[in-house]
PDB file of N, CA and C in Angstrom:
ATOM      1  N   MET A   1       1.280  -1.428   0.051  1.00  0.00           N
ATOM      2  CA  MET A   1       0.106  -0.423   0.209  1.00  0.00           C
ATOM      3  C   MET A   1       1.152   0.966   0.320  1.00  0.00           C
ATOM      4  N   SER A   2       2.200   1.260   0.816  1.00  0.00           N
ATOM      5  CA  SER A   2       2.929   2.403   0.589  1.00  0.00           C
ATOM      6  C   SER A   2       2.281   3.529   1.131  1.00  0.00           C
ATOM      7  N   ASP A   3       2.431   4.702  -0.079  1.00  0.00           N
ATOM      8  CA  ASP A   3       1.904   5.649   0.064  1.00  0.00           C
ATOM      9  C   ASP A   3       0.472   6.732  -0.777  1.00  0.00           C
ATOM     10  N   SER A   4       0.157   5.089  -1.625  1.00  0.00           N
ATOM     11  CA  SER A   4      -0.845   5.263  -2.297  1.00  0.00           C
ATOM     12  C   SER A   4      -2.548   4.799  -1.202  1.00  0.00           C
ATOM     13  N   LEU A   5      -3.328   5.250  -1.772  1.00  0.00           N
ATOM     14  CA  LEU A   5      -4.622   4.764  -1.406  1.00  0.00           C
ATOM     15  C   LEU A   5      -5.046   3.783  -1.293  1.00  0.00           C
ATOM     16  N   PRO A   6      -5.849   3.375  -0.446  1.00  0.00           N
ATOM     17  CA  PRO A   6      -6.535   1.614  -0.573  1.00  0.00           C
ATOM     18  C   PRO A   6      -7.078   0.969  -1.852  1.00  0.00           C
ATOM     19  N   GLY A   7      -7.864   2.403  -2.064  1.00  0.00           N
ATOM     20  CA  GLY A   7      -8.939   2.502  -2.978  1.00  0.00           C
ATOM     21  C   GLY A   7      -9.993   3.100  -3.186  1.00  0.00           C
ATOM     22  N   GLN A   8     -11.026   3.731  -3.823  1.00  0.00           N
ATOM     23  CA  GLN A   8     -11.639   4.347  -4.096  1.00  0.00           C
ATOM     24  C   GLN A   8     -13.083   3.852  -3.909  1.00  0.00           C
ATOM     25  N   ILE A   9     -13.939   4.661  -3.860  1.00  0.00           N
ATOM     26  CA  ILE A   9     -15.716   3.875  -3.694  1.00  0.00           C
ATOM     27  C   ILE A   9     -16.078   4.797  -5.041  1.00  0.00           C
ATOM     28  N   PRO A  10     -16.653   4.352  -5.712  1.00  0.00           N
ATOM     29  CA  PRO A  10     -17.244   4.707  -6.645  1.00  0.00           C
ATOM     30  C   PRO A  10     -18.757   5.719  -6.151  1.00  0.00           C
ATOM     31  N   GLN A  11     -19.198   6.785  -6.939  1.00  0.00           N
ATOM     32  CA  GLN A  11     -20.198   7.594  -6.875  1.00  0.00           C
ATOM     33  C   GLN A  11     -21.382   6.076  -6.927  1.00  0.00           C
ATOM     34  N   ASP A  12     -22.319   5.562  -6.386  1.00  0.00           N
ATOM     35  CA  ASP A  12     -23.562   4.708  -6.561  1.00  0.00           C
ATOM     36  C   ASP A  12     -24.594   5.250  -5.900  1.00  0.00           C
ATOM     37  N   GLU A  13     -26.023   5.059  -6.292  1.00  0.00           N
ATOM     38  CA  GLU A  13     -27.041   5.796  -5.705  1.00  0.00           C
ATOM     39  C   GLU A  13     -27.347   4.823  -4.562  1.00  0.00           C
ATOM     40  N   ALA A  14     -26.857   3.429  -4.488  1.00  0.00           N
ATOM     41  CA  ALA A  14     -27.205   3.094  -2.820  1.00  0.00           C
ATOM     42  C   ALA A  14     -26.614   3.883  -2.182  1.00  0.00           C
ATOM     43  N   VAL A  15     -25.462   4.483  -2.069  1.00  0.00           N
ATOM     44  CA  VAL A  15     -24.919   5.324  -0.753  1.00  0.00           C
ATOM     45  C   VAL A  15     -25.758   6.639  -0.365  1.00  0.00           C
ATOM     46  N   GLU A  16     -26.688   7.098  -1.562  1.00  0.00           N
ATOM     47  CA  GLU A  16     -27.253   8.009  -0.922  1.00  0.00           C
ATOM     48  C   GLU A  16     -28.904   8.044  -0.638  1.00  0.00           C
ATOM     49  N   ARG A  17     -29.454   6.444  -0.932  1.00  0.00           N
ATOM     50  CA  ARG A  17     -30.451   5.796  -0.821  1.00  0.00           C
ATOM     51  C   ARG A  17     -30.324   5.179   1.294  1.00  0.00           C
ATOM     52  N   SER A  18     -29.300   4.466   1.100  1.00  0.00           N
ATOM     53  CA  SER A  18     -28.290   4.090   2.642  1.00  0.00           C
ATOM     54  C   SER A  18     -28.216   5.088   3.729  1.00  0.00           C
ATOM     55  N   ILE A  19     -27.945   6.137   3.455  1.00  0.00           N
ATOM     56  CA  ILE A  19     -27.670   7.340   3.922  1.00  0.00           C
ATOM     57  C   ILE A  19     -29.024   8.040   4.320  1.00  0.00           C
ATOM     58  N   GLN A  20     -30.092   7.919   3.340  1.00  0.00           N
ATOM     59  CA  GLN A  20     -31.553   8.498   3.520  1.00  0.00           C
ATOM     60  C   GLN A  20     -31.724   7.666   4.547  1.00  0.00           C
ATOM     61  N   GLN A  21     -31.715   6.249   5.067  1.00  0.00           N
ATOM     62  CA  GLN A  21     -32.153   5.309   5.895  1.00  0.00           C
ATOM     63  C   GLN A  21     -31.503   5.093   7.251  1.00  0.00           C
ATOM     64  N   TYR A  22     -30.180   6.090   7.468  1.00  0.00           N
ATOM     65  CA  TYR A  22     -29.299   6.227   8.073  1.00  0.00           C
ATOM     66  C   TYR A  22     -28.349   4.562   8.152  1.00  0.00           C
ATOM     67  N   LEU A  23     -28.319   3.950   7.488  1.00  0.00           N
ATOM     68  CA  LEU A  23     -27.921   2.684   6.869  1.00  0.00           C
ATOM     69  C   LEU A  23     -26.286   2.623   6.597  1.00  0.00           C
ATOM     70  N   PRO A  24     -25.611   1.809   6.680  1.00  0.00           N
ATOM     71  CA  PRO A  24     -24.074   1.631   6.021  1.00  0.00           C
ATOM     72  C   PRO A  24     -24.568   0.986   4.804  1.00  0.00           C
ATOM     73  N   VAL A  25     -24.075   1.555   3.716  1.00  0.00           N
ATOM     74  CA  VAL A  25     -24.778   1.008   2.581  1.00  0.00           C
ATOM     75  C   VAL A  25     -24.006  -0.984   2.702  1.00  0.00           C
ATOM     76  N   VAL A  26     -23.290  -1.090   2.943  1.00  0.00           N
ATOM     77  CA  VAL A  26     -22.457  -2.452   3.150  1.00  0.00           C
ATOM     78  C   VAL A  26     -23.759  -3.589   3.714  1.00  0.00           C
ATOM     79  N   GLY A  27     -24.440  -2.446   4.584  1.00  0.00           N
ATOM     80  CA  GLY A  27     -25.404  -3.358   5.389  1.00  0.00           C
ATOM     81  C   GLY A  27     -26.717  -3.233   4.247  1.00  0.00           C
ATOM     82  N   HIS A  28     -26.907  -1.892   4.016  1.00  0.00           N
ATOM     83  CA  HIS A  28     -28.454  -2.132   2.776  1.00  0.00           C
ATOM     84  C   HIS A  28     -28.519  -2.375   1.442  1.00  0.00           C
ATOM     85  N   SER A  29     -27.228  -2.397   1.347  1.00  0.00           N
ATOM     86  CA  SER A  29     -26.986  -2.662  -0.045  1.00  0.00           C
ATOM     87  C   SER A  29     -25.725  -3.233  -0.755  1.00  0.00           C
ATOM     88  N   PRO A  30     -25.632  -4.800   0.042  1.00  0.00           N
ATOM     89  CA  PRO A  30     -24.242  -5.421   0.201  1.00  0.00           C
ATOM     90  C   PRO A  30     -23.670  -5.625  -1.261  1.00  0.00           C
ATOM     91  N   ASN A  31     -24.662  -5.771  -2.190  1.00  0.00           N
ATOM     92  CA  ASN A  31     -24.203  -6.054  -3.518  1.00  0.00           C
ATOM     93  C   ASN A  31     -23.714  -4.883  -4.729  1.00  0.00           C
ATOM     94  N   SER A  32     -23.550  -3.369  -3.790  1.00  0.00           N
ATOM     95  CA  SER A  32     -23.566  -2.365  -4.302  1.00  0.00           C
ATOM     96  C   SER A  32     -22.397  -2.057  -5.220  1.00  0.00           C
ATOM     97  N   ALA A  33     -21.635  -1.621  -5.872  1.00  0.00           N
ATOM     98  CA  ALA A  33     -20.626  -1.083  -6.362  1.00  0.00           C
ATOM     99  C   ALA A  33     -19.933  -0.327  -5.256  1.00  0.00           C
ATOM    100  N   ALA A  34     -20.442   0.195  -4.379  1.00  0.00           N
ATOM    101  CA  ALA A  34     -20.032   1.292  -3.332  1.00  0.00           C
ATOM    102  C   ALA A  34     -19.411  -0.028  -2.250  1.00  0.00           C
ATOM    103  N   ALA A  35     -20.522  -1.005  -1.893  1.00  0.00           N
ATOM    104  CA  ALA A  35     -20.653  -1.826  -0.840  1.00  0.00           C
ATOM    105  C   ALA A  35     -19.231  -2.584  -1.429  1.00  0.00           C
ATOM    106  N   LYS A  36     -19.231  -3.220  -2.134  1.00  0.00           N
ATOM    107  CA  LYS A  36     -17.940  -4.276  -3.098  1.00  0.00           C
ATOM    108  C   LYS A  36     -16.665  -3.279  -2.740  1.00  0.00           C
ATOM    109  N   ALA A  37     -16.563  -1.813  -3.418  1.00  0.00           N
ATOM    110  CA  ALA A  37     -15.641  -1.025  -2.914  1.00  0.00           C
ATOM    111  C   ALA A  37     -14.866  -0.929  -1.743  1.00  0.00           C
ATOM    112  N   PHE A  38     -15.885  -0.745  -0.521  1.00  0.00           N
ATOM    113  CA  PHE A  38     -15.455  -0.814   0.687  1.00  0.00           C
ATOM    114  C   PHE A  38     -15.027  -2.135   1.326  1.00  0.00           C
ATOM    115  N   ASP A  39     -15.409  -3.474   0.901  1.00  0.00           N
ATOM    116  CA  ASP A  39     -15.065  -4.586   1.051  1.00  0.00           C
ATOM    117  C   ASP A  39     -13.408  -4.601   0.832  1.00  0.00           C
ATOM    118  N   CYS A  40     -13.281  -4.021  -0.708  1.00  0.00           N
ATOM    119  CA  CYS A  40     -12.007  -4.247  -0.778  1.00  0.00           C
ATOM    120  C   CYS A  40     -10.931  -3.398  -0.571  1.00  0.00           C
ATOM    121  N   VAL A  41     -11.358  -2.223   0.215  1.00  0.00           N
ATOM    122  CA  VAL A  41     -10.662  -1.443   1.232  1.00  0.00           C
ATOM    123  C   VAL A  41     -10.176  -2.270   1.988  1.00  0.00           C
ATOM    124  N   VAL A  42     -11.052  -2.661   2.784  1.00  0.00           N
ATOM    125  CA  VAL A  42     -11.310  -3.373   4.439  1.00  0.00           C
ATOM    126  C   VAL A  42     -10.053  -4.422   4.071  1.00  0.00           C
ATOM    127  N   ASP A  43      -9.744  -5.324   2.824  1.00  0.00           N
ATOM    128  CA  ASP A  43      -8.945  -6.699   2.771  1.00  0.00           C
ATOM    129  C   ASP A  43      -7.786  -5.881   2.212  1.00  0.00           C
ATOM    130  N   ARG A  44      -7.995  -4.968   1.854  1.00  0.00           N
ATOM    131  CA  ARG A  44      -6.228  -4.094   1.766  1.00  0.00           C
ATOM    132  C   ARG A  44      -6.057  -3.670   2.794  1.00  0.00           C
ATOM    133  N   LEU A  45      -6.332  -2.890   3.537  1.00  0.00           N
ATOM    134  CA  LEU A  45      -6.206  -3.022   4.868  1.00  0.00           C
ATOM    135  C   LEU A  45      -5.597  -3.614   5.979  1.00  0.00           C
ATOM    136  N   GLU A  46      -6.642  -4.925   5.823  1.00  0.00           N
ATOM    137  CA  GLU A  46      -6.444  -5.964   6.791  1.00  0.00           C
ATOM    138  C   GLU A  46      -4.445  -6.789   5.975  1.00  0.00           C
ATOM    139  N   LEU A  47      -4.568  -6.684   4.789  1.00  0.00           N
ATOM    140  CA  LEU A  47      -3.285  -7.702   4.863  1.00  0.00           C
ATOM    141  C   LEU A  47      -2.095  -6.347   4.648  1.00  0.00           C
ATOM    142  N   TRP A  48      -2.228  -5.110   5.211  1.00  0.00           N
ATOM    143  CA  TRP A  48      -1.328  -3.906   4.981  1.00  0.00           C
ATOM    144  C   TRP A  48      -1.097  -4.183   6.597  1.00  0.00           C
ATOM    145  N   MET A  49      -1.871  -4.026   7.026  1.00  0.00           N
ATOM    146  CA  MET A  49      -2.134  -4.376   9.102  1.00  0.00           C
ATOM    147  C   MET A  49      -1.152  -5.563   9.514  1.00  0.00           C
ATOM    148  N   GLU A  50      -1.632  -6.941   8.372  1.00  0.00           N
ATOM    149  CA  GLU A  50      -0.716  -8.054   9.264  1.00  0.00           C
ATOM    150  C   GLU A  50       0.842  -8.214   9.082  1.00  0.00           C
ATOM    151  N   SER A  51       0.769  -7.350   7.535  1.00  0.00           N
ATOM    152  CA  SER A  51       2.204  -7.227   7.324  1.00  0.00           C
ATOM    153  C   SER A  51       2.821  -6.233   7.538  1.00  0.00           C
ATOM    154  N   ASN A  52       2.626  -5.319   8.650  1.00  0.00           N
ATOM    155  CA  ASN A  52       3.331  -4.527   9.212  1.00  0.00           C
ATOM    156  C   ASN A  52       3.092  -3.863  10.288  1.00  0.00           C
ATOM    157  N   LEU A  53       1.946  -4.713  10.631  1.00  0.00           N
ATOM    158  CA  LEU A  53       1.840  -4.457  12.567  1.00  0.00           C
ATOM    159  C   LEU A  53       2.425  -5.747  12.854  1.00  0.00           C
ATOM    160  N   SER A  54       2.691  -6.787  12.685  1.00  0.00           N
ATOM    161  CA  SER A  54       3.220  -8.060  12.976  1.00  0.00           C
ATOM    162  C   SER A  54       3.810  -8.659  13.775  1.00  0.00           C
ATOM    163  N   SER A  55       4.694  -7.396  14.993  1.00  0.00           N
ATOM    164  CA  SER A  55       5.577  -7.433  16.033  1.00  0.00           C
ATOM    165  C   SER A  55       4.461  -6.763  17.012  1.00  0.00           C
ATOM    166  N   VAL A  56       3.583  -5.472  16.416  1.00  0.00           N
ATOM    167  CA  VAL A  56       2.795  -4.960  17.430  1.00  0.00           C
ATOM    168  C   VAL A  56       2.230  -5.851  18.535  1.00  0.00           C
ATOM    169  N   GLU A  57       1.632  -5.886  19.802  1.00  0.00           N
ATOM    170  CA  GLU A  57       0.947  -6.964  20.442  1.00  0.00           C
ATOM    171  C   GLU A  57      -0.506  -6.371  20.702  1.00  0.00           C
ATOM    172  N   GLU A  58      -0.431  -5.214  20.807  1.00  0.00           N
ATOM    173  CA  GLU A  58      -1.875  -4.491  21.266  1.00  0.00           C
ATOM    174  C   GLU A  58      -1.598  -3.703  20.374  1.00  0.00           C
ATOM    175  N   TRP A  59      -2.921  -2.422  19.758  1.00  0.00           N
ATOM    176  CA  TRP A  59      -3.246  -2.152  19.442  1.00  0.00           C
ATOM    177  C   TRP A  59      -3.920  -1.215  19.530  1.00  0.00           C
TER     178      TRP A  59
END
């Protein structure tokens, strides 16, 4: 990941609909492009944390 961003969240009408209902897009519309992008970002951050913070015992 270095200095780059872990990903991008695309514009998606599902985000607007989930905001109107006060729900996270990943729960409201899990198959939307935005929800899938959030899942990708989380996966990349988890991999980065595993490889860079393996010596840290407490977070």
